[in-house]
Amino acid sequence: MKIDKKVAKNAVHKLVQFTKLLHSTDESIHQAFASHFSDFEDGLINALAETNNVDAIITHNISDFSKSALPVYRPAEFIALYNL
């Protein structure tokens, strides 16, 4: 699927108004290793989300976060929540 550059830029601009980019810390890495996630990267994402008190995780791989206590959405589902 090809999306017009201006349309894509506008969509990303709207999306970042409702999201937060997080950065790894020593604490989050240790928490990820100690988690029940079989995949380290998923455990790290979950640890960062919990540590930073985010409202939800947005991913295409919802099943990877079945052990998360946080709500997990596919991107389209999240966007639909806010009619972006």
PDB file of N, CA and C in Angstrom:
ATOM      1  N   MET A   1       0.843  -1.165   0.000  1.00  0.00           N
ATOM      2  CA  MET A   1       0.000   0.000   0.000  1.00  0.00           C
ATOM      3  C   MET A   1       0.895   1.236   0.000  1.00  0.00           C
ATOM      4  N   LYS A   2       0.619   2.163  -0.876  1.00  0.00           N
ATOM      5  CA  LYS A   2       1.389   3.399  -0.962  1.00  0.00           C
ATOM      6  C   LYS A   2       0.530   4.541  -0.403  1.00  0.00           C
ATOM      7  N   ILE A   3       1.119   5.292   0.498  1.00  0.00           N
ATOM      8  CA  ILE A   3       0.416   6.413   1.125  1.00  0.00           C
ATOM      9  C   ILE A   3       1.133   7.706   0.758  1.00  0.00           C
ATOM     10  N   ASP A   4       0.364   8.715   0.436  1.00  0.00           N
ATOM     11  CA  ASP A   4       0.914  10.020   0.127  1.00  0.00           C
ATOM     12  C   ASP A   4       1.763  10.507   1.307  1.00  0.00           C
ATOM     13  N   LYS A   5       2.912  11.067   1.009  1.00  0.00           N
ATOM     14  CA  LYS A   5       3.851  11.514   2.044  1.00  0.00           C
ATOM     15  C   LYS A   5       3.196  12.509   3.006  1.00  0.00           C
ATOM     16  N   LYS A   6       2.425  13.439   2.491  1.00  0.00           N
ATOM     17  CA  LYS A   6       1.774  14.444   3.335  1.00  0.00           C
ATOM     18  C   LYS A   6       0.731  13.799   4.255  1.00  0.00           C
ATOM     19  N   VAL A   7      -0.013  12.842   3.726  1.00  0.00           N
ATOM     20  CA  VAL A   7      -1.023  12.129   4.518  1.00  0.00           C
ATOM     21  C   VAL A   7      -0.343  11.332   5.631  1.00  0.00           C
ATOM     22  N   ALA A   8       0.747  10.644   5.301  1.00  0.00           N
ATOM     23  CA  ALA A   8       1.482   9.855   6.286  1.00  0.00           C
ATOM     24  C   ALA A   8       2.069  10.752   7.378  1.00  0.00           C
ATOM     25  N   LYS A   9       2.646  11.860   6.975  1.00  0.00           N
ATOM     26  CA  LYS A   9       3.235  12.787   7.946  1.00  0.00           C
ATOM     27  C   LYS A   9       2.166  13.322   8.894  1.00  0.00           C
ATOM     28  N   ASN A  10       1.003  13.652   8.373  1.00  0.00           N
ATOM     29  CA  ASN A  10      -0.089  14.151   9.190  1.00  0.00           C
ATOM     30  C   ASN A  10      -0.575  13.072  10.171  1.00  0.00           C
ATOM     31  N   ALA A  11      -0.660  11.835   9.705  1.00  0.00           N
ATOM     32  CA  ALA A  11      -1.107  10.736  10.555  1.00  0.00           C
ATOM     33  C   ALA A  11      -0.125  10.504  11.705  1.00  0.00           C
ATOM     34  N   VAL A  12       1.172  10.516  11.407  1.00  0.00           N
ATOM     35  CA  VAL A  12       2.181  10.332  12.448  1.00  0.00           C
ATOM     36  C   VAL A  12       2.137  11.502  13.431  1.00  0.00           C
ATOM     37  N   HIS A  13       1.975  12.705  12.938  1.00  0.00           N
ATOM     38  CA  HIS A  13       1.889  13.879  13.800  1.00  0.00           C
ATOM     39  C   HIS A  13       0.717  13.752  14.772  1.00  0.00           C
ATOM     40  N   LYS A  14      -0.423  13.304  14.286  1.00  0.00           N
ATOM     41  CA  LYS A  14      -1.586  13.107  15.154  1.00  0.00           C
ATOM     42  C   LYS A  14      -1.333  11.996  16.163  1.00  0.00           C
ATOM     43  N   LEU A  15      -0.713  10.910  15.706  1.00  0.00           N
ATOM     44  CA  LEU A  15      -0.468   9.769  16.580  1.00  0.00           C
ATOM     45  C   LEU A  15       0.451  10.112  17.740  1.00  0.00           C
ATOM     46  N   VAL A  16       1.496  10.880  17.507  1.00  0.00           N
ATOM     47  CA  VAL A  16       2.432  11.197  18.584  1.00  0.00           C
ATOM     48  C   VAL A  16       1.821  12.119  19.636  1.00  0.00           C
ATOM     49  N   GLN A  17       0.708  12.729  19.324  1.00  0.00           N
ATOM     50  CA  GLN A  17       0.006  13.532  20.333  1.00  0.00           C
ATOM     51  C   GLN A  17      -0.610  12.645  21.402  1.00  0.00           C
ATOM     52  N   PHE A  18      -0.852  11.377  21.078  1.00  0.00           N
ATOM     53  CA  PHE A  18      -1.502  10.449  22.001  1.00  0.00           C
ATOM     54  C   PHE A  18      -0.579   9.351  22.496  1.00  0.00           C
ATOM     55  N   THR A  19       0.682   9.383  22.094  1.00  0.00           N
ATOM     56  CA  THR A  19       1.614   8.332  22.471  1.00  0.00           C
ATOM     57  C   THR A  19       2.845   8.928  23.141  1.00  0.00           C
ATOM     58  N   LYS A  20       3.649   8.043  23.708  1.00  0.00           N
ATOM     59  CA  LYS A  20       4.861   8.472  24.383  1.00  0.00           C
ATOM     60  C   LYS A  20       5.980   7.510  23.981  1.00  0.00           C
ATOM     61  N   LEU A  21       7.088   8.033  23.495  1.00  0.00           N
ATOM     62  CA  LEU A  21       8.241   7.198  23.178  1.00  0.00           C
ATOM     63  C   LEU A  21       9.086   7.044  24.436  1.00  0.00           C
ATOM     64  N   LEU A  22       9.475   5.817  24.731  1.00  0.00           N
ATOM     65  CA  LEU A  22      10.214   5.529  25.960  1.00  0.00           C
ATOM     66  C   LEU A  22      11.623   5.056  25.648  1.00  0.00           C
ATOM     67  N   HIS A  23      12.527   5.289  26.574  1.00  0.00           N
ATOM     68  CA  HIS A  23      13.922   4.922  26.404  1.00  0.00           C
ATOM     69  C   HIS A  23      14.334   3.941  27.490  1.00  0.00           C
ATOM     70  N   SER A  24      15.132   2.961  27.128  1.00  0.00           N
ATOM     71  CA  SER A  24      15.579   1.935  28.069  1.00  0.00           C
ATOM     72  C   SER A  24      16.467   2.517  29.154  1.00  0.00           C
ATOM     73  N   THR A  25      16.336   1.925  30.327  1.00  0.00           N
ATOM     74  CA  THR A  25      17.198   2.271  31.456  1.00  0.00           C
ATOM     75  C   THR A  25      17.757   0.968  32.019  1.00  0.00           C
ATOM     76  N   ASP A  26      18.740   1.072  32.890  1.00  0.00           N
ATOM     77  CA  ASP A  26      19.257  -0.133  33.550  1.00  0.00           C
ATOM     78  C   ASP A  26      18.129  -0.857  34.274  1.00  0.00           C
ATOM     79  N   GLU A  27      17.288  -0.106  34.952  1.00  0.00           N
ATOM     80  CA  GLU A  27      16.173  -0.687  35.714  1.00  0.00           C
ATOM     81  C   GLU A  27      15.214  -1.452  34.793  1.00  0.00           C
ATOM     82  N   SER A  28      14.869  -0.862  33.660  1.00  0.00           N
ATOM     83  CA  SER A  28      13.919  -1.525  32.762  1.00  0.00           C
ATOM     84  C   SER A  28      14.522  -2.792  32.162  1.00  0.00           C
ATOM     85  N   ILE A  29      15.818  -2.791  31.905  1.00  0.00           N
ATOM     86  CA  ILE A  29      16.475  -3.982  31.362  1.00  0.00           C
ATOM     87  C   ILE A  29      16.469  -5.108  32.389  1.00  0.00           C
ATOM     88  N   HIS A  30      16.781  -4.793  33.642  1.00  0.00           N
ATOM     89  CA  HIS A  30      16.742  -5.809  34.706  1.00  0.00           C
ATOM     90  C   HIS A  30      15.320  -6.336  34.895  1.00  0.00           C
ATOM     91  N   GLN A  31      14.354  -5.444  34.836  1.00  0.00           N
ATOM     92  CA  GLN A  31      12.957  -5.837  34.987  1.00  0.00           C
ATOM     93  C   GLN A  31      12.535  -6.762  33.832  1.00  0.00           C
ATOM     94  N   ALA A  32      13.003  -6.486  32.629  1.00  0.00           N
ATOM     95  CA  ALA A  32      12.677  -7.327  31.473  1.00  0.00           C
ATOM     96  C   ALA A  32      13.259  -8.728  31.632  1.00  0.00           C
ATOM     97  N   PHE A  33      14.491  -8.825  32.110  1.00  0.00           N
ATOM     98  CA  PHE A  33      15.105 -10.134  32.327  1.00  0.00           C
ATOM     99  C   PHE A  33      14.362 -10.927  33.399  1.00  0.00           C
ATOM    100  N   ALA A  34      13.822 -10.243  34.387  1.00  0.00           N
ATOM    101  CA  ALA A  34      13.121 -10.906  35.483  1.00  0.00           C
ATOM    102  C   ALA A  34      11.649 -11.189  35.164  1.00  0.00           C
ATOM    103  N   SER A  35      11.178 -10.724  34.025  1.00  0.00           N
ATOM    104  CA  SER A  35       9.761 -10.876  33.681  1.00  0.00           C
ATOM    105  C   SER A  35       9.446 -12.297  33.213  1.00  0.00           C
ATOM    106  N   HIS A  36       8.164 -12.554  33.037  1.00  0.00           N
ATOM    107  CA  HIS A  36       7.690 -13.852  32.573  1.00  0.00           C
ATOM    108  C   HIS A  36       7.555 -13.896  31.047  1.00  0.00           C
ATOM    109  N   PHE A  37       8.045 -12.883  30.371  1.00  0.00           N
ATOM    110  CA  PHE A  37       7.986 -12.855  28.911  1.00  0.00           C
ATOM    111  C   PHE A  37       9.099 -13.733  28.346  1.00  0.00           C
ATOM    112  N   SER A  38       8.755 -14.570  27.372  1.00  0.00           N
ATOM    113  CA  SER A  38       9.781 -15.436  26.779  1.00  0.00           C
ATOM    114  C   SER A  38      10.681 -14.658  25.828  1.00  0.00           C
ATOM    115  N   ASP A  39      10.177 -13.557  25.284  1.00  0.00           N
ATOM    116  CA  ASP A  39      10.943 -12.722  24.370  1.00  0.00           C
ATOM    117  C   ASP A  39      11.446 -11.484  25.132  1.00  0.00           C
ATOM    118  N   PHE A  40      12.761 -11.299  25.152  1.00  0.00           N
ATOM    119  CA  PHE A  40      13.338 -10.186  25.914  1.00  0.00           C
ATOM    120  C   PHE A  40      12.785  -8.830  25.479  1.00  0.00           C
ATOM    121  N   GLU A  41      12.691  -8.604  24.167  1.00  0.00           N
ATOM    122  CA  GLU A  41      12.237  -7.296  23.678  1.00  0.00           C
ATOM    123  C   GLU A  41      10.800  -7.001  24.123  1.00  0.00           C
ATOM    124  N   ASP A  42       9.935  -8.021  24.091  1.00  0.00           N
ATOM    125  CA  ASP A  42       8.565  -7.822  24.568  1.00  0.00           C
ATOM    126  C   ASP A  42       8.558  -7.526  26.068  1.00  0.00           C
ATOM    127  N   GLY A  43       9.402  -8.232  26.800  1.00  0.00           N
ATOM    128  CA  GLY A  43       9.515  -7.980  28.234  1.00  0.00           C
ATOM    129  C   GLY A  43      10.009  -6.570  28.508  1.00  0.00           C
ATOM    130  N   LEU A  44      10.926  -6.091  27.683  1.00  0.00           N
ATOM    131  CA  LEU A  44      11.450  -4.736  27.841  1.00  0.00           C
ATOM    132  C   LEU A  44      10.375  -3.696  27.545  1.00  0.00           C
ATOM    133  N   ILE A  45       9.632  -3.907  26.467  1.00  0.00           N
ATOM    134  CA  ILE A  45       8.548  -2.980  26.146  1.00  0.00           C
ATOM    135  C   ILE A  45       7.551  -2.928  27.293  1.00  0.00           C
ATOM    136  N   ASN A  46       7.189  -4.090  27.820  1.00  0.00           N
ATOM    137  CA  ASN A  46       6.235  -4.128  28.922  1.00  0.00           C
ATOM    138  C   ASN A  46       6.803  -3.457  30.174  1.00  0.00           C
ATOM    139  N   ALA A  47       8.068  -3.718  30.474  1.00  0.00           N
ATOM    140  CA  ALA A  47       8.702  -3.106  31.641  1.00  0.00           C
ATOM    141  C   ALA A  47       8.722  -1.582  31.513  1.00  0.00           C
ATOM    142  N   LEU A  48       9.069  -1.092  30.341  1.00  0.00           N
ATOM    143  CA  LEU A  48       9.084   0.352  30.114  1.00  0.00           C
ATOM    144  C   LEU A  48       7.683   0.940  30.266  1.00  0.00           C
ATOM    145  N   ALA A  49       6.700   0.254  29.726  1.00  0.00           N
ATOM    146  CA  ALA A  49       5.326   0.731  29.813  1.00  0.00           C
ATOM    147  C   ALA A  49       4.861   0.795  31.269  1.00  0.00           C
ATOM    148  N   GLU A  50       5.135  -0.258  32.028  1.00  0.00           N
ATOM    149  CA  GLU A  50       4.720  -0.279  33.433  1.00  0.00           C
ATOM    150  C   GLU A  50       5.468   0.770  34.249  1.00  0.00           C
ATOM    151  N   THR A  51       6.772   0.867  34.056  1.00  0.00           N
ATOM    152  CA  THR A  51       7.592   1.814  34.818  1.00  0.00           C
ATOM    153  C   THR A  51       7.185   3.258  34.551  1.00  0.00           C
ATOM    154  N   ASN A  52       6.752   3.537  33.334  1.00  0.00           N
ATOM    155  CA  ASN A  52       6.386   4.904  32.963  1.00  0.00           C
ATOM    156  C   ASN A  52       4.886   5.174  33.048  1.00  0.00           C
ATOM    157  N   ASN A  53       4.162   4.233  33.643  1.00  0.00           N
ATOM    158  CA  ASN A  53       2.719   4.389  33.870  1.00  0.00           C
ATOM    159  C   ASN A  53       1.946   4.768  32.613  1.00  0.00           C
ATOM    160  N   VAL A  54       2.255   4.093  31.501  1.00  0.00           N
ATOM    161  CA  VAL A  54       1.508   4.363  30.278  1.00  0.00           C
ATOM    162  C   VAL A  54       0.147   3.680  30.354  1.00  0.00           C
ATOM    163  N   ASP A  55      -0.770   4.122  29.520  1.00  0.00           N
ATOM    164  CA  ASP A  55      -2.133   3.603  29.547  1.00  0.00           C
ATOM    165  C   ASP A  55      -2.302   2.312  28.765  1.00  0.00           C
ATOM    166  N   ALA A  56      -1.489   2.098  27.733  1.00  0.00           N
ATOM    167  CA  ALA A  56      -1.652   0.922  26.885  1.00  0.00           C
ATOM    168  C   ALA A  56      -0.408   0.697  26.040  1.00  0.00           C
ATOM    169  N   ILE A  57      -0.328  -0.502  25.478  1.00  0.00           N
ATOM    170  CA  ILE A  57       0.733  -0.855  24.540  1.00  0.00           C
ATOM    171  C   ILE A  57       0.093  -0.974  23.164  1.00  0.00           C
ATOM    172  N   ILE A  58       0.742  -0.412  22.155  1.00  0.00           N
ATOM    173  CA  ILE A  58       0.255  -0.482  20.783  1.00  0.00           C
ATOM    174  C   ILE A  58       1.223  -1.355  19.994  1.00  0.00           C
ATOM    175  N   THR A  59       0.704  -2.426  19.389  1.00  0.00           N
ATOM    176  CA  THR A  59       1.546  -3.375  18.674  1.00  0.00           C
ATOM    177  C   THR A  59       0.719  -4.163  17.662  1.00  0.00           C
ATOM    178  N   HIS A  60       1.378  -4.706  16.657  1.00  0.00           N
ATOM    179  CA  HIS A  60       0.711  -5.619  15.728  1.00  0.00           C
ATOM    180  C   HIS A  60       0.641  -7.026  16.315  1.00  0.00           C
ATOM    181  N   ASN A  61       1.451  -7.291  17.330  1.00  0.00           N
ATOM    182  CA  ASN A  61       1.548  -8.633  17.911  1.00  0.00           C
ATOM    183  C   ASN A  61       0.915  -8.687  19.295  1.00  0.00           C
ATOM    184  N   ILE A  62      -0.388  -8.589  19.333  1.00  0.00           N
ATOM    185  CA  ILE A  62      -1.104  -8.578  20.607  1.00  0.00           C
ATOM    186  C   ILE A  62      -0.817  -9.836  21.422  1.00  0.00           C
ATOM    187  N   SER A  63      -0.736 -10.982  20.765  1.00  0.00           N
ATOM    188  CA  SER A  63      -0.521 -12.243  21.491  1.00  0.00           C
ATOM    189  C   SER A  63       0.810 -12.250  22.240  1.00  0.00           C
ATOM    190  N   ASP A  64       1.791 -11.476  21.777  1.00  0.00           N
ATOM    191  CA  ASP A  64       3.083 -11.406  22.466  1.00  0.00           C
ATOM    192  C   ASP A  64       2.969 -10.752  23.834  1.00  0.00           C
ATOM    193  N   PHE A  65       1.870 -10.035  24.074  1.00  0.00           N
ATOM    194  CA  PHE A  65       1.710  -9.302  25.324  1.00  0.00           C
ATOM    195  C   PHE A  65       0.568  -9.860  26.178  1.00  0.00           C
ATOM    196  N   SER A  66       0.291 -11.157  26.006  1.00  0.00           N
ATOM    197  CA  SER A  66      -0.788 -11.774  26.772  1.00  0.00           C
ATOM    198  C   SER A  66      -0.501 -11.766  28.276  1.00  0.00           C
ATOM    199  N   LYS A  67       0.760 -11.660  28.657  1.00  0.00           N
ATOM    200  CA  LYS A  67       1.131 -11.628  30.074  1.00  0.00           C
ATOM    201  C   LYS A  67       1.160 -10.215  30.648  1.00  0.00           C
ATOM    202  N   SER A  68       0.873  -9.236  29.836  1.00  0.00           N
ATOM    203  CA  SER A  68       0.900  -7.842  30.296  1.00  0.00           C
ATOM    204  C   SER A  68      -0.360  -7.511  31.085  1.00  0.00           C
ATOM    205  N   ALA A  69      -0.194  -6.708  32.105  1.00  0.00           N
ATOM    206  CA  ALA A  69      -1.336  -6.224  32.881  1.00  0.00           C
ATOM    207  C   ALA A  69      -1.980  -5.017  32.203  1.00  0.00           C
ATOM    208  N   LEU A  70      -1.325  -4.484  31.184  1.00  0.00           N
ATOM    209  CA  LEU A  70      -1.814  -3.288  30.498  1.00  0.00           C
ATOM    210  C   LEU A  70      -2.716  -3.662  29.324  1.00  0.00           C
ATOM    211  N   PRO A  71      -3.630  -2.758  28.948  1.00  0.00           N
ATOM    212  CA  PRO A  71      -4.395  -2.990  27.720  1.00  0.00           C
ATOM    213  C   PRO A  71      -3.443  -2.959  26.526  1.00  0.00           C
ATOM    214  N   VAL A  72      -3.724  -3.804  25.526  1.00  0.00           N
ATOM    215  CA  VAL A  72      -2.883  -3.892  24.340  1.00  0.00           C
ATOM    216  C   VAL A  72      -3.777  -3.729  23.112  1.00  0.00           C
ATOM    217  N   TYR A  73      -3.381  -2.841  22.200  1.00  0.00           N
ATOM    218  CA  TYR A  73      -4.165  -2.538  21.006  1.00  0.00           C
ATOM    219  C   TYR A  73      -3.331  -2.693  19.748  1.00  0.00           C
ATOM    220  N   ARG A  74      -3.984  -3.077  18.667  1.00  0.00           N
ATOM    221  CA  ARG A  74      -3.379  -2.976  17.347  1.00  0.00           C
ATOM    222  C   ARG A  74      -3.434  -1.496  16.968  1.00  0.00           C
ATOM    223  N   PRO A  75      -2.529  -1.016  16.116  1.00  0.00           N
ATOM    224  CA  PRO A  75      -2.536   0.412  15.765  1.00  0.00           C
ATOM    225  C   PRO A  75      -3.891   0.915  15.266  1.00  0.00           C
ATOM    226  N   ALA A  76      -4.524   0.180  14.378  1.00  0.00           N
ATOM    227  CA  ALA A  76      -5.813   0.629  13.834  1.00  0.00           C
ATOM    228  C   ALA A  76      -6.883   0.708  14.925  1.00  0.00           C
ATOM    229  N   GLU A  77      -6.845  -0.238  15.864  1.00  0.00           N
ATOM    230  CA  GLU A  77      -7.815  -0.217  16.970  1.00  0.00           C
ATOM    231  C   GLU A  77      -7.604   1.024  17.840  1.00  0.00           C
ATOM    232  N   PHE A  78      -6.339   1.329  18.107  1.00  0.00           N
ATOM    233  CA  PHE A  78      -6.039   2.498  18.932  1.00  0.00           C
ATOM    234  C   PHE A  78      -6.478   3.778  18.238  1.00  0.00           C
ATOM    235  N   ILE A  79      -6.161   3.892  16.967  1.00  0.00           N
ATOM    236  CA  ILE A  79      -6.536   5.087  16.205  1.00  0.00           C
ATOM    237  C   ILE A  79      -8.053   5.231  16.176  1.00  0.00           C
ATOM    238  N   ALA A  80      -8.764   4.122  16.025  1.00  0.00           N
ATOM    239  CA  ALA A  80     -10.225   4.167  15.979  1.00  0.00           C
ATOM    240  C   ALA A  80     -10.827   4.666  17.296  1.00  0.00           C
ATOM    241  N   LEU A  81     -10.146   4.401  18.399  1.00  0.00           N
ATOM    242  CA  LEU A  81     -10.626   4.872  19.701  1.00  0.00           C
ATOM    243  C   LEU A  81     -10.728   6.388  19.761  1.00  0.00           C
ATOM    244  N   TYR A  82      -9.842   7.046  19.060  1.00  0.00           N
ATOM    245  CA  TYR A  82      -9.771   8.516  19.097  1.00  0.00           C
ATOM    246  C   TYR A  82     -10.178   9.160  17.790  1.00  0.00           C
ATOM    247  N   ASN A  83     -10.688   8.364  16.861  1.00  0.00           N
ATOM    248  CA  ASN A  83     -11.123   8.876  15.558  1.00  0.00           C
ATOM    249  C   ASN A  83     -10.064   9.746  14.900  1.00  0.00           C
ATOM    250  N   LEU A  84      -8.817   9.271  14.921  1.00  0.00           N
ATOM    251  CA  LEU A  84      -7.727  10.013  14.315  1.00  0.00           C
ATOM    252  C   LEU A  84      -7.858   9.886  12.828  1.00  0.00           C
TER     253      LEU A  84
END
